[in-house]
Amino acid sequence: FSRGLDAALAAKERPEERVAAFMAYAFDFIATHPCRPLFESESGFVMSYLLDHLPALRAELVLRLGDALDSVPAVAAGELGRDELADVVVRLFASSWIIPESDDSSLVQSVNRILQIRSE
């Protein structure tokens, strides 16, 4: 995850681009993760996996994006802290794993609209 995220963020300089690139990469990572199909047959294993790994994803989000998270209007206005925003986003990741979208790109676009992130 970290190596792929580094590559996705490498060419992004503006905070909004960094946040949008993180969202797209993270949702794609989850959508294509080899454990995703296991939820149907091994839901206990997948829930345990998520509980073990999502805190690290939340930490990666805050660590890798840092000040870029301040470009999200709710954070800029002081309505949410960086950690709170990261927690909400990670919960969206988890829900998309458990309840797959028929169109993952549409989900990423919806999250970007909620966060008011414009990708170019």
PDB file of N, CA and C in Angstrom:
ATOM      1  N   PHE A   1       0.828  -1.195   0.000  1.00  0.00           N
ATOM      2  CA  PHE A   1       0.000   0.000   0.000  1.00  0.00           C
ATOM      3  C   PHE A   1       0.869   1.254   0.000  1.00  0.00           C
ATOM      4  N   SER A   2       1.862   1.287   0.882  1.00  0.00           N
ATOM      5  CA  SER A   2       2.708   2.479   1.008  1.00  0.00           C
ATOM      6  C   SER A   2       3.492   2.782  -0.264  1.00  0.00           C
ATOM      7  N   ARG A   3       4.063   1.753  -0.891  1.00  0.00           N
ATOM      8  CA  ARG A   3       4.819   1.980  -2.127  1.00  0.00           C
ATOM      9  C   ARG A   3       3.916   2.515  -3.241  1.00  0.00           C
ATOM     10  N   GLY A   4       2.758   1.919  -3.381  1.00  0.00           N
ATOM     11  CA  GLY A   4       1.822   2.379  -4.401  1.00  0.00           C
ATOM     12  C   GLY A   4       1.329   3.784  -4.123  1.00  0.00           C
ATOM     13  N   LEU A   5       1.090   4.080  -2.862  1.00  0.00           N
ATOM     14  CA  LEU A   5       0.654   5.419  -2.487  1.00  0.00           C
ATOM     15  C   LEU A   5       1.744   6.446  -2.777  1.00  0.00           C
ATOM     16  N   ASP A   6       2.993   6.090  -2.478  1.00  0.00           N
ATOM     17  CA  ASP A   6       4.113   6.992  -2.799  1.00  0.00           C
ATOM     18  C   ASP A   6       4.114   7.325  -4.281  1.00  0.00           C
ATOM     19  N   ALA A   7       3.919   6.332  -5.117  1.00  0.00           N
ATOM     20  CA  ALA A   7       3.904   6.549  -6.564  1.00  0.00           C
ATOM     21  C   ALA A   7       2.718   7.423  -6.976  1.00  0.00           C
ATOM     22  N   ALA A   8       1.565   7.198  -6.372  1.00  0.00           N
ATOM     23  CA  ALA A   8       0.368   7.977  -6.716  1.00  0.00           C
ATOM     24  C   ALA A   8       0.514   9.437  -6.302  1.00  0.00           C
ATOM     25  N   LEU A   9       1.223   9.688  -5.222  1.00  0.00           N
ATOM     26  CA  LEU A   9       1.369  11.049  -4.717  1.00  0.00           C
ATOM     27  C   LEU A   9       2.585  11.781  -5.287  1.00  0.00           C
ATOM     28  N   ALA A  10       3.515  11.053  -5.883  1.00  0.00           N
ATOM     29  CA  ALA A  10       4.797  11.626  -6.294  1.00  0.00           C
ATOM     30  C   ALA A  10       4.674  12.863  -7.176  1.00  0.00           C
ATOM     31  N   ALA A  11       3.807  12.850  -8.126  1.00  0.00           N
ATOM     32  CA  ALA A  11       3.705  13.958  -9.083  1.00  0.00           C
ATOM     33  C   ALA A  11       2.678  15.006  -8.663  1.00  0.00           C
ATOM     34  N   LYS A  12       2.077  14.822  -7.530  1.00  0.00           N
ATOM     35  CA  LYS A  12       1.022  15.747  -7.094  1.00  0.00           C
ATOM     36  C   LYS A  12       1.609  16.770  -6.127  1.00  0.00           C
ATOM     37  N   GLU A  13       1.439  18.027  -6.467  1.00  0.00           N
ATOM     38  CA  GLU A  13       1.994  19.091  -5.628  1.00  0.00           C
ATOM     39  C   GLU A  13       0.925  19.852  -4.863  1.00  0.00           C
ATOM     40  N   ARG A  14      -0.157  20.187  -5.528  1.00  0.00           N
ATOM     41  CA  ARG A  14      -1.212  20.966  -4.859  1.00  0.00           C
ATOM     42  C   ARG A  14      -1.939  20.088  -3.841  1.00  0.00           C
ATOM     43  N   PRO A  15      -2.326  20.662  -2.700  1.00  0.00           N
ATOM     44  CA  PRO A  15      -3.007  19.874  -1.661  1.00  0.00           C
ATOM     45  C   PRO A  15      -4.246  19.140  -2.174  1.00  0.00           C
ATOM     46  N   GLU A  16      -5.044  19.814  -2.988  1.00  0.00           N
ATOM     47  CA  GLU A  16      -6.266  19.194  -3.501  1.00  0.00           C
ATOM     48  C   GLU A  16      -5.953  17.991  -4.375  1.00  0.00           C
ATOM     49  N   GLU A  17      -4.886  18.097  -5.163  1.00  0.00           N
ATOM     50  CA  GLU A  17      -4.464  16.981  -6.012  1.00  0.00           C
ATOM     51  C   GLU A  17      -3.999  15.807  -5.158  1.00  0.00           C
ATOM     52  N   ARG A  18      -3.297  16.092  -4.080  1.00  0.00           N
ATOM     53  CA  ARG A  18      -2.786  15.045  -3.198  1.00  0.00           C
ATOM     54  C   ARG A  18      -3.935  14.296  -2.519  1.00  0.00           C
ATOM     55  N   VAL A  19      -4.923  15.041  -2.041  1.00  0.00           N
ATOM     56  CA  VAL A  19      -6.070  14.410  -1.385  1.00  0.00           C
ATOM     57  C   VAL A  19      -6.842  13.567  -2.394  1.00  0.00           C
ATOM     58  N   ALA A  20      -7.096  14.119  -3.584  1.00  0.00           N
ATOM     59  CA  ALA A  20      -7.828  13.374  -4.619  1.00  0.00           C
ATOM     60  C   ALA A  20      -7.061  12.124  -5.040  1.00  0.00           C
ATOM     61  N   ALA A  21      -5.731  12.231  -5.169  1.00  0.00           N
ATOM     62  CA  ALA A  21      -4.919  11.069  -5.554  1.00  0.00           C
ATOM     63  C   ALA A  21      -4.949  10.008  -4.463  1.00  0.00           C
ATOM     64  N   PHE A  22      -4.906  10.423  -3.212  1.00  0.00           N
ATOM     65  CA  PHE A  22      -4.996   9.465  -2.116  1.00  0.00           C
ATOM     66  C   PHE A  22      -6.325   8.727  -2.173  1.00  0.00           C
ATOM     67  N   MET A  23      -7.421   9.466  -2.335  1.00  0.00           N
ATOM     68  CA  MET A  23      -8.745   8.836  -2.362  1.00  0.00           C
ATOM     69  C   MET A  23      -8.837   7.826  -3.500  1.00  0.00           C
ATOM     70  N   ALA A  24      -8.415   8.230  -4.682  1.00  0.00           N
ATOM     71  CA  ALA A  24      -8.495   7.331  -5.834  1.00  0.00           C
ATOM     72  C   ALA A  24      -7.639   6.090  -5.611  1.00  0.00           C
ATOM     73  N   TYR A  25      -6.415   6.277  -5.119  1.00  0.00           N
ATOM     74  CA  TYR A  25      -5.526   5.133  -4.905  1.00  0.00           C
ATOM     75  C   TYR A  25      -6.071   4.204  -3.827  1.00  0.00           C
ATOM     76  N   ALA A  26      -6.498   4.759  -2.708  1.00  0.00           N
ATOM     77  CA  ALA A  26      -6.955   3.922  -1.598  1.00  0.00           C
ATOM     78  C   ALA A  26      -8.209   3.126  -1.963  1.00  0.00           C
ATOM     79  N   PHE A  27      -9.158   3.765  -2.632  1.00  0.00           N
ATOM     80  CA  PHE A  27     -10.361   3.032  -3.026  1.00  0.00           C
ATOM     81  C   PHE A  27     -10.030   1.966  -4.059  1.00  0.00           C
ATOM     82  N   ASP A  28      -9.122   2.261  -4.987  1.00  0.00           N
ATOM     83  CA  ASP A  28      -8.714   1.254  -5.964  1.00  0.00           C
ATOM     84  C   ASP A  28      -7.997   0.098  -5.279  1.00  0.00           C
ATOM     85  N   PHE A  29      -7.161   0.416  -4.309  1.00  0.00           N
ATOM     86  CA  PHE A  29      -6.445  -0.618  -3.562  1.00  0.00           C
ATOM     87  C   PHE A  29      -7.431  -1.571  -2.899  1.00  0.00           C
ATOM     88  N   ILE A  30      -8.451  -1.018  -2.274  1.00  0.00           N
ATOM     89  CA  ILE A  30      -9.450  -1.854  -1.607  1.00  0.00           C
ATOM     90  C   ILE A  30     -10.262  -2.643  -2.632  1.00  0.00           C
ATOM     91  N   ALA A  31     -10.651  -1.984  -3.717  1.00  0.00           N
ATOM     92  CA  ALA A  31     -11.479  -2.654  -4.731  1.00  0.00           C
ATOM     93  C   ALA A  31     -10.768  -3.837  -5.366  1.00  0.00           C
ATOM     94  N   THR A  32      -9.439  -3.763  -5.456  1.00  0.00           N
ATOM     95  CA  THR A  32      -8.693  -4.829  -6.117  1.00  0.00           C
ATOM     96  C   THR A  32      -7.935  -5.732  -5.144  1.00  0.00           C
ATOM     97  N   HIS A  33      -8.117  -5.512  -3.851  1.00  0.00           N
ATOM     98  CA  HIS A  33      -7.397  -6.321  -2.854  1.00  0.00           C
ATOM     99  C   HIS A  33      -7.843  -7.778  -2.951  1.00  0.00           C
ATOM    100  N   PRO A  34      -6.891  -8.710  -2.903  1.00  0.00           N
ATOM    101  CA  PRO A  34      -7.244 -10.125  -3.062  1.00  0.00           C
ATOM    102  C   PRO A  34      -8.146 -10.672  -1.950  1.00  0.00           C
ATOM    103  N   CYS A  35      -8.199 -10.026  -0.818  1.00  0.00           N
ATOM    104  CA  CYS A  35      -9.059 -10.504   0.275  1.00  0.00           C
ATOM    105  C   CYS A  35     -10.505 -10.039   0.146  1.00  0.00           C
ATOM    106  N   ARG A  36     -10.756  -9.089  -0.723  1.00  0.00           N
ATOM    107  CA  ARG A  36     -12.114  -8.543  -0.820  1.00  0.00           C
ATOM    108  C   ARG A  36     -13.175  -9.611  -1.089  1.00  0.00           C
ATOM    109  N   PRO A  37     -12.970 -10.520  -2.036  1.00  0.00           N
ATOM    110  CA  PRO A  37     -13.997 -11.542  -2.296  1.00  0.00           C
ATOM    111  C   PRO A  37     -14.219 -12.493  -1.115  1.00  0.00           C
ATOM    112  N   LEU A  38     -13.279 -12.552  -0.189  1.00  0.00           N
ATOM    113  CA  LEU A  38     -13.419 -13.450   0.959  1.00  0.00           C
ATOM    114  C   LEU A  38     -14.546 -13.055   1.894  1.00  0.00           C
ATOM    115  N   PHE A  39     -15.027 -11.823   1.813  1.00  0.00           N
ATOM    116  CA  PHE A  39     -16.059 -11.398   2.748  1.00  0.00           C
ATOM    117  C   PHE A  39     -17.292 -12.282   2.669  1.00  0.00           C
ATOM    118  N   GLU A  40     -17.609 -12.750   1.470  1.00  0.00           N
ATOM    119  CA  GLU A  40     -18.792 -13.599   1.316  1.00  0.00           C
ATOM    120  C   GLU A  40     -18.653 -14.929   2.039  1.00  0.00           C
ATOM    121  N   SER A  41     -17.461 -15.508   2.015  1.00  0.00           N
ATOM    122  CA  SER A  41     -17.284 -16.828   2.630  1.00  0.00           C
ATOM    123  C   SER A  41     -16.590 -16.788   3.983  1.00  0.00           C
ATOM    124  N   GLU A  42     -15.796 -15.771   4.232  1.00  0.00           N
ATOM    125  CA  GLU A  42     -15.020 -15.672   5.475  1.00  0.00           C
ATOM    126  C   GLU A  42     -15.178 -14.287   6.096  1.00  0.00           C
ATOM    127  N   SER A  43     -16.423 -13.920   6.391  1.00  0.00           N
ATOM    128  CA  SER A  43     -16.667 -12.559   6.873  1.00  0.00           C
ATOM    129  C   SER A  43     -15.950 -12.274   8.192  1.00  0.00           C
ATOM    130  N   GLY A  44     -15.836 -13.261   9.071  1.00  0.00           N
ATOM    131  CA  GLY A  44     -15.123 -13.062  10.335  1.00  0.00           C
ATOM    132  C   GLY A  44     -13.660 -12.729  10.117  1.00  0.00           C
ATOM    133  N   PHE A  45     -13.026 -13.430   9.175  1.00  0.00           N
ATOM    134  CA  PHE A  45     -11.627 -13.160   8.854  1.00  0.00           C
ATOM    135  C   PHE A  45     -11.465 -11.751   8.306  1.00  0.00           C
ATOM    136  N   VAL A  46     -12.348 -11.366   7.382  1.00  0.00           N
ATOM    137  CA  VAL A  46     -12.239 -10.049   6.759  1.00  0.00           C
ATOM    138  C   VAL A  46     -12.479  -8.948   7.788  1.00  0.00           C
ATOM    139  N   MET A  47     -13.465  -9.119   8.658  1.00  0.00           N
ATOM    140  CA  MET A  47     -13.713  -8.111   9.691  1.00  0.00           C
ATOM    141  C   MET A  47     -12.501  -7.982  10.606  1.00  0.00           C
ATOM    142  N   SER A  48     -11.915  -9.086  10.969  1.00  0.00           N
ATOM    143  CA  SER A  48     -10.714  -9.053  11.801  1.00  0.00           C
ATOM    144  C   SER A  48      -9.578  -8.342  11.070  1.00  0.00           C
ATOM    145  N   TYR A  49      -9.416  -8.653   9.780  1.00  0.00           N
ATOM    146  CA  TYR A  49      -8.393  -8.014   8.960  1.00  0.00           C
ATOM    147  C   TYR A  49      -8.607  -6.504   8.928  1.00  0.00           C
ATOM    148  N   LEU A  50      -9.840  -6.093   8.679  1.00  0.00           N
ATOM    149  CA  LEU A  50     -10.137  -4.669   8.626  1.00  0.00           C
ATOM    150  C   LEU A  50      -9.846  -3.992   9.960  1.00  0.00           C
ATOM    151  N   LEU A  51     -10.288  -4.603  11.038  1.00  0.00           N
ATOM    152  CA  LEU A  51     -10.049  -4.019  12.365  1.00  0.00           C
ATOM    153  C   LEU A  51      -8.558  -3.890  12.659  1.00  0.00           C
ATOM    154  N   ASP A  52      -7.776  -4.846  12.168  1.00  0.00           N
ATOM    155  CA  ASP A  52      -6.325  -4.803  12.379  1.00  0.00           C
ATOM    156  C   ASP A  52      -5.624  -3.774  11.491  1.00  0.00           C
ATOM    157  N   HIS A  53      -6.099  -3.592  10.248  1.00  0.00           N
ATOM    158  CA  HIS A  53      -5.369  -2.791   9.277  1.00  0.00           C
ATOM    159  C   HIS A  53      -5.892  -1.373   9.058  1.00  0.00           C
ATOM    160  N   LEU A  54      -7.133  -1.112   9.376  1.00  0.00           N
ATOM    161  CA  LEU A  54      -7.656   0.224   9.117  1.00  0.00           C
ATOM    162  C   LEU A  54      -7.021   1.311   9.984  1.00  0.00           C
ATOM    163  N   PRO A  55      -6.635   1.027  11.219  1.00  0.00           N
ATOM    164  CA  PRO A  55      -5.914   2.082  11.965  1.00  0.00           C
ATOM    165  C   PRO A  55      -4.619   2.502  11.263  1.00  0.00           C
ATOM    166  N   ALA A  56      -3.925   1.553  10.650  1.00  0.00           N
ATOM    167  CA  ALA A  56      -2.695   1.889   9.916  1.00  0.00           C
ATOM    168  C   ALA A  56      -3.026   2.729   8.683  1.00  0.00           C
ATOM    169  N   LEU A  57      -4.132   2.420   8.012  1.00  0.00           N
ATOM    170  CA  LEU A  57      -4.553   3.205   6.858  1.00  0.00           C
ATOM    171  C   LEU A  57      -4.880   4.631   7.297  1.00  0.00           C
ATOM    172  N   ARG A  58      -5.580   4.769   8.408  1.00  0.00           N
ATOM    173  CA  ARG A  58      -5.908   6.097   8.946  1.00  0.00           C
ATOM    174  C   ARG A  58      -4.617   6.872   9.238  1.00  0.00           C
ATOM    175  N   ALA A  59      -3.659   6.213   9.873  1.00  0.00           N
ATOM    176  CA  ALA A  59      -2.379   6.853  10.190  1.00  0.00           C
ATOM    177  C   ALA A  59      -1.636   7.251   8.913  1.00  0.00           C
ATOM    178  N   GLU A  60      -1.664   6.378   7.886  1.00  0.00           N
ATOM    179  CA  GLU A  60      -1.024   6.691   6.609  1.00  0.00           C
ATOM    180  C   GLU A  60      -1.669   7.916   5.964  1.00  0.00           C
ATOM    181  N   LEU A  61      -2.981   7.988   6.031  1.00  0.00           N
ATOM    182  CA  LEU A  61      -3.692   9.117   5.450  1.00  0.00           C
ATOM    183  C   LEU A  61      -3.211  10.415   6.095  1.00  0.00           C
ATOM    184  N   VAL A  62      -3.168  10.467   7.415  1.00  0.00           N
ATOM    185  CA  VAL A  62      -2.747  11.679   8.116  1.00  0.00           C
ATOM    186  C   VAL A  62      -1.262  11.953   7.878  1.00  0.00           C
ATOM    187  N   LEU A  63      -0.437  10.924   7.936  1.00  0.00           N
ATOM    188  CA  LEU A  63       1.002  11.094   7.744  1.00  0.00           C
ATOM    189  C   LEU A  63       1.334  11.564   6.332  1.00  0.00           C
ATOM    190  N   ARG A  64       0.776  10.894   5.341  1.00  0.00           N
ATOM    191  CA  ARG A  64       1.131  11.188   3.942  1.00  0.00           C
ATOM    192  C   ARG A  64       0.544  12.498   3.442  1.00  0.00           C
ATOM    193  N   LEU A  65      -0.631  12.866   3.950  1.00  0.00           N
ATOM    194  CA  LEU A  65      -1.280  14.068   3.439  1.00  0.00           C
ATOM    195  C   LEU A  65      -1.080  15.286   4.339  1.00  0.00           C
ATOM    196  N   GLY A  66      -0.967  15.080   5.637  1.00  0.00           N
ATOM    197  CA  GLY A  66      -0.687  16.173   6.569  1.00  0.00           C
ATOM    198  C   GLY A  66      -1.428  17.451   6.257  1.00  0.00           C
ATOM    199  N   ASP A  67      -0.664  18.500   5.903  1.00  0.00           N
ATOM    200  CA  ASP A  67      -1.245  19.817   5.633  1.00  0.00           C
ATOM    201  C   ASP A  67      -2.240  19.806   4.483  1.00  0.00           C
ATOM    202  N   ALA A  68      -2.111  18.864   3.560  1.00  0.00           N
ATOM    203  CA  ALA A  68      -3.045  18.821   2.431  1.00  0.00           C
ATOM    204  C   ALA A  68      -4.475  18.607   2.921  1.00  0.00           C
ATOM    205  N   LEU A  69      -4.636  17.933   4.047  1.00  0.00           N
ATOM    206  CA  LEU A  69      -5.979  17.728   4.589  1.00  0.00           C
ATOM    207  C   LEU A  69      -6.636  19.046   4.979  1.00  0.00           C
ATOM    208  N   ASP A  70      -5.807  20.055   5.236  1.00  0.00           N
ATOM    209  CA  ASP A  70      -6.342  21.370   5.587  1.00  0.00           C
ATOM    210  C   ASP A  70      -7.056  22.025   4.414  1.00  0.00           C
ATOM    211  N   SER A  71      -6.870  21.508   3.192  1.00  0.00           N
ATOM    212  CA  SER A  71      -7.557  22.057   2.028  1.00  0.00           C
ATOM    213  C   SER A  71      -9.014  21.604   1.955  1.00  0.00           C
ATOM    214  N   VAL A  72      -9.376  20.602   2.742  1.00  0.00           N
ATOM    215  CA  VAL A  72     -10.774  20.159   2.803  1.00  0.00           C
ATOM    216  C   VAL A  72     -11.533  21.213   3.606  1.00  0.00           C
ATOM    217  N   PRO A  73     -12.578  21.777   3.038  1.00  0.00           N
ATOM    218  CA  PRO A  73     -13.261  22.894   3.699  1.00  0.00           C
ATOM    219  C   PRO A  73     -13.669  22.646   5.158  1.00  0.00           C
ATOM    220  N   ALA A  74     -14.132  21.463   5.487  1.00  0.00           N
ATOM    221  CA  ALA A  74     -14.544  21.197   6.873  1.00  0.00           C
ATOM    222  C   ALA A  74     -13.362  21.273   7.832  1.00  0.00           C
ATOM    223  N   VAL A  75     -12.177  20.887   7.360  1.00  0.00           N
ATOM    224  CA  VAL A  75     -10.967  20.982   8.190  1.00  0.00           C
ATOM    225  C   VAL A  75     -10.517  22.439   8.249  1.00  0.00           C
ATOM    226  N   ALA A  76     -10.516  23.106   7.097  1.00  0.00           N
ATOM    227  CA  ALA A  76     -10.096  24.508   7.044  1.00  0.00           C
ATOM    228  C   ALA A  76     -10.961  25.379   7.944  1.00  0.00           C
ATOM    229  N   ALA A  77     -12.248  25.052   8.050  1.00  0.00           N
ATOM    230  CA  ALA A  77     -13.178  25.830   8.877  1.00  0.00           C
ATOM    231  C   ALA A  77     -13.135  25.428  10.350  1.00  0.00           C
ATOM    232  N   GLY A  78     -12.371  24.397  10.672  1.00  0.00           N
ATOM    233  CA  GLY A  78     -12.286  23.957  12.059  1.00  0.00           C
ATOM    234  C   GLY A  78     -13.444  23.084  12.503  1.00  0.00           C
ATOM    235  N   GLU A  79     -14.267  22.642  11.554  1.00  0.00           N
ATOM    236  CA  GLU A  79     -15.408  21.785  11.883  1.00  0.00           C
ATOM    237  C   GLU A  79     -14.976  20.348  12.135  1.00  0.00           C
ATOM    238  N   LEU A  80     -13.879  19.940  11.499  1.00  0.00           N
ATOM    239  CA  LEU A  80     -13.287  18.614  11.676  1.00  0.00           C
ATOM    240  C   LEU A  80     -11.788  18.774  11.822  1.00  0.00           C
ATOM    241  N   GLY A  81     -11.187  17.929  12.631  1.00  0.00           N
ATOM    242  CA  GLY A  81      -9.737  17.864  12.679  1.00  0.00           C
ATOM    243  C   GLY A  81      -9.246  16.877  11.632  1.00  0.00           C
ATOM    244  N   ARG A  82      -7.957  16.902  11.365  1.00  0.00           N
ATOM    245  CA  ARG A  82      -7.378  15.957  10.405  1.00  0.00           C
ATOM    246  C   ARG A  82      -7.676  14.515  10.791  1.00  0.00           C
ATOM    247  N   ASP A  83      -7.503  14.181  12.071  1.00  0.00           N
ATOM    248  CA  ASP A  83      -7.751  12.807  12.526  1.00  0.00           C
ATOM    249  C   ASP A  83      -9.211  12.414  12.366  1.00  0.00           C
ATOM    250  N   GLU A  84     -10.113  13.351  12.629  1.00  0.00           N
ATOM    251  CA  GLU A  84     -11.543  13.054  12.466  1.00  0.00           C
ATOM    252  C   GLU A  84     -11.874  12.811  10.996  1.00  0.00           C
ATOM    253  N   LEU A  85     -11.341  13.646  10.122  1.00  0.00           N
ATOM    254  CA  LEU A  85     -11.569  13.442   8.689  1.00  0.00           C
ATOM    255  C   LEU A  85     -11.017  12.097   8.251  1.00  0.00           C
ATOM    256  N   ALA A  86      -9.800  11.781   8.692  1.00  0.00           N
ATOM    257  CA  ALA A  86      -9.197  10.496   8.337  1.00  0.00           C
ATOM    258  C   ALA A  86     -10.055   9.338   8.827  1.00  0.00           C
ATOM    259  N   ASP A  87     -10.628   9.458  10.015  1.00  0.00           N
ATOM    260  CA  ASP A  87     -11.473   8.392  10.545  1.00  0.00           C
ATOM    261  C   ASP A  87     -12.717   8.184   9.680  1.00  0.00           C
ATOM    262  N   VAL A  88     -13.343   9.273   9.259  1.00  0.00           N
ATOM    263  CA  VAL A  88     -14.531   9.171   8.399  1.00  0.00           C
ATOM    264  C   VAL A  88     -14.182   8.516   7.069  1.00  0.00           C
ATOM    265  N   VAL A  89     -13.081   8.943   6.474  1.00  0.00           N
ATOM    266  CA  VAL A  89     -12.675   8.395   5.180  1.00  0.00           C
ATOM    267  C   VAL A  89     -12.362   6.903   5.304  1.00  0.00           C
ATOM    268  N   VAL A  90     -11.671   6.516   6.352  1.00  0.00           N
ATOM    269  CA  VAL A  90     -11.332   5.101   6.547  1.00  0.00           C
ATOM    270  C   VAL A  90     -12.597   4.275   6.759  1.00  0.00           C
ATOM    271  N   ARG A  91     -13.569   4.823   7.439  1.00  0.00           N
ATOM    272  CA  ARG A  91     -14.840   4.102   7.608  1.00  0.00           C
ATOM    273  C   ARG A  91     -15.544   3.926   6.264  1.00  0.00           C
ATOM    274  N   LEU A  92     -15.422   4.920   5.389  1.00  0.00           N
ATOM    275  CA  LEU A  92     -15.969   4.767   4.035  1.00  0.00           C
ATOM    276  C   LEU A  92     -15.241   3.661   3.286  1.00  0.00           C
ATOM    277  N   PHE A  93     -13.904   3.608   3.455  1.00  0.00           N
ATOM    278  CA  PHE A  93     -13.145   2.524   2.836  1.00  0.00           C
ATOM    279  C   PHE A  93     -13.681   1.175   3.301  1.00  0.00           C
ATOM    280  N   ALA A  94     -13.853   1.040   4.614  1.00  0.00           N
ATOM    281  CA  ALA A  94     -14.317  -0.234   5.179  1.00  0.00           C
ATOM    282  C   ALA A  94     -15.700  -0.586   4.649  1.00  0.00           C
ATOM    283  N   SER A  95     -16.583   0.391   4.594  1.00  0.00           N
ATOM    284  CA  SER A  95     -17.937   0.086   4.115  1.00  0.00           C
ATOM    285  C   SER A  95     -17.917  -0.304   2.647  1.00  0.00           C
ATOM    286  N   SER A  96     -16.997   0.298   1.869  1.00  0.00           N
ATOM    287  CA  SER A  96     -16.934  -0.073   0.451  1.00  0.00           C
ATOM    288  C   SER A  96     -16.373  -1.477   0.278  1.00  0.00           C
ATOM    289  N   TRP A  97     -15.603  -1.938   1.241  1.00  0.00           N
ATOM    290  CA  TRP A  97     -15.087  -3.312   1.196  1.00  0.00           C
ATOM    291  C   TRP A  97     -16.217  -4.291   1.499  1.00  0.00           C
ATOM    292  N   ILE A  98     -17.005  -3.964   2.505  1.00  0.00           N
ATOM    293  CA  ILE A  98     -18.070  -4.856   2.960  1.00  0.00           C
ATOM    294  C   ILE A  98     -19.254  -4.843   1.997  1.00  0.00           C
ATOM    295  N   ILE A  99     -19.586  -3.668   1.503  1.00  0.00           N
ATOM    296  CA  ILE A  99     -20.708  -3.519   0.576  1.00  0.00           C
ATOM    297  C   ILE A  99     -20.140  -2.948  -0.719  1.00  0.00           C
ATOM    298  N   PRO A 100     -19.684  -3.812  -1.625  1.00  0.00           N
ATOM    299  CA  PRO A 100     -19.033  -3.337  -2.850  1.00  0.00           C
ATOM    300  C   PRO A 100     -19.960  -2.463  -3.691  1.00  0.00           C
ATOM    301  N   GLU A 101     -19.351  -1.488  -4.320  1.00  0.00           N
ATOM    302  CA  GLU A 101     -20.047  -0.606  -5.255  1.00  0.00           C
ATOM    303  C   GLU A 101     -20.059  -1.257  -6.629  1.00  0.00           C
ATOM    304  N   SER A 102     -21.095  -0.998  -7.378  1.00  0.00           N
ATOM    305  CA  SER A 102     -21.092  -1.489  -8.760  1.00  0.00           C
ATOM    306  C   SER A 102     -20.154  -0.637  -9.616  1.00  0.00           C
ATOM    307  N   ASP A 103     -19.889   0.587  -9.163  1.00  0.00           N
ATOM    308  CA  ASP A 103     -19.006   1.489  -9.891  1.00  0.00           C
ATOM    309  C   ASP A 103     -18.115   2.211  -8.885  1.00  0.00           C
ATOM    310  N   ASP A 104     -16.932   1.657  -8.649  1.00  0.00           N
ATOM    311  CA  ASP A 104     -16.032   2.228  -7.649  1.00  0.00           C
ATOM    312  C   ASP A 104     -15.600   3.643  -7.998  1.00  0.00           C
ATOM    313  N   SER A 105     -15.448   3.962  -9.278  1.00  0.00           N
ATOM    314  CA  SER A 105     -15.031   5.318  -9.646  1.00  0.00           C
ATOM    315  C   SER A 105     -16.115   6.330  -9.272  1.00  0.00           C
ATOM    316  N   SER A 106     -17.356   5.921  -9.351  1.00  0.00           N
ATOM    317  CA  SER A 106     -18.453   6.790  -8.950  1.00  0.00           C
ATOM    318  C   SER A 106     -18.387   7.071  -7.446  1.00  0.00           C
ATOM    319  N   LEU A 107     -18.005   6.070  -6.671  1.00  0.00           N
ATOM    320  CA  LEU A 107     -17.860   6.258  -5.230  1.00  0.00           C
ATOM    321  C   LEU A 107     -16.748   7.257  -4.933  1.00  0.00           C
ATOM    322  N   VAL A 108     -15.623   7.129  -5.614  1.00  0.00           N
ATOM    323  CA  VAL A 108     -14.510   8.066  -5.416  1.00  0.00           C
ATOM    324  C   VAL A 108     -14.955   9.480  -5.782  1.00  0.00           C
ATOM    325  N   GLN A 109     -15.659   9.636  -6.879  1.00  0.00           N
ATOM    326  CA  GLN A 109     -16.146  10.954  -7.281  1.00  0.00           C
ATOM    327  C   GLN A 109     -17.109  11.521  -6.239  1.00  0.00           C
ATOM    328  N   SER A 110     -17.970  10.683  -5.689  1.00  0.00           N
ATOM    329  CA  SER A 110     -18.902  11.143  -4.657  1.00  0.00           C
ATOM    330  C   SER A 110     -18.162  11.601  -3.403  1.00  0.00           C
ATOM    331  N   VAL A 111     -17.159  10.837  -2.991  1.00  0.00           N
ATOM    332  CA  VAL A 111     -16.365  11.221  -1.817  1.00  0.00           C
ATOM    333  C   VAL A 111     -15.650  12.536  -2.093  1.00  0.00           C
ATOM    334  N   ASN A 112     -15.087  12.690  -3.274  1.00  0.00           N
ATOM    335  CA  ASN A 112     -14.417  13.949  -3.618  1.00  0.00           C
ATOM    336  C   ASN A 112     -15.390  15.123  -3.576  1.00  0.00           C
ATOM    337  N   ARG A 113     -16.626  14.906  -4.034  1.00  0.00           N
ATOM    338  CA  ARG A 113     -17.620  15.989  -3.970  1.00  0.00           C
ATOM    339  C   ARG A 113     -17.967  16.309  -2.523  1.00  0.00           C
ATOM    340  N   ILE A 114     -18.108  15.283  -1.684  1.00  0.00           N
ATOM    341  CA  ILE A 114     -18.388  15.524  -0.267  1.00  0.00           C
ATOM    342  C   ILE A 114     -17.272  16.336   0.372  1.00  0.00           C
ATOM    343  N   LEU A 115     -16.036  15.980   0.027  1.00  0.00           N
ATOM    344  CA  LEU A 115     -14.867  16.681   0.570  1.00  0.00           C
ATOM    345  C   LEU A 115     -14.594  17.990  -0.171  1.00  0.00           C
ATOM    346  N   GLN A 116     -15.347  18.230  -1.245  1.00  0.00           N
ATOM    347  CA  GLN A 116     -15.182  19.395  -2.102  1.00  0.00           C
ATOM    348  C   GLN A 116     -13.779  19.461  -2.692  1.00  0.00           C
ATOM    349  N   ILE A 117     -13.315  18.295  -3.147  1.00  0.00           N
ATOM    350  CA  ILE A 117     -12.018  18.177  -3.796  1.00  0.00           C
ATOM    351  C   ILE A 117     -12.259  18.149  -5.305  1.00  0.00           C
ATOM    352  N   ARG A 118     -11.556  18.979  -6.023  1.00  0.00           N
ATOM    353  CA  ARG A 118     -11.652  19.020  -7.468  1.00  0.00           C
ATOM    354  C   ARG A 118     -10.395  18.404  -8.052  1.00  0.00           C
ATOM    355  N   SER A 119     -10.554  17.294  -8.764  1.00  0.00           N
ATOM    356  CA  SER A 119      -9.384  16.718  -9.436  1.00  0.00           C
ATOM    357  C   SER A 119      -9.409  17.176 -10.882  1.00  0.00           C
ATOM    358  N   GLU A 120      -8.220  17.380 -11.416  1.00  0.00           N
ATOM    359  CA  GLU A 120      -8.129  17.865 -12.806  1.00  0.00           C
ATOM    360  C   GLU A 120      -7.634  16.790 -13.714  1.00  0.00           C
TER     361      GLU A 120
END
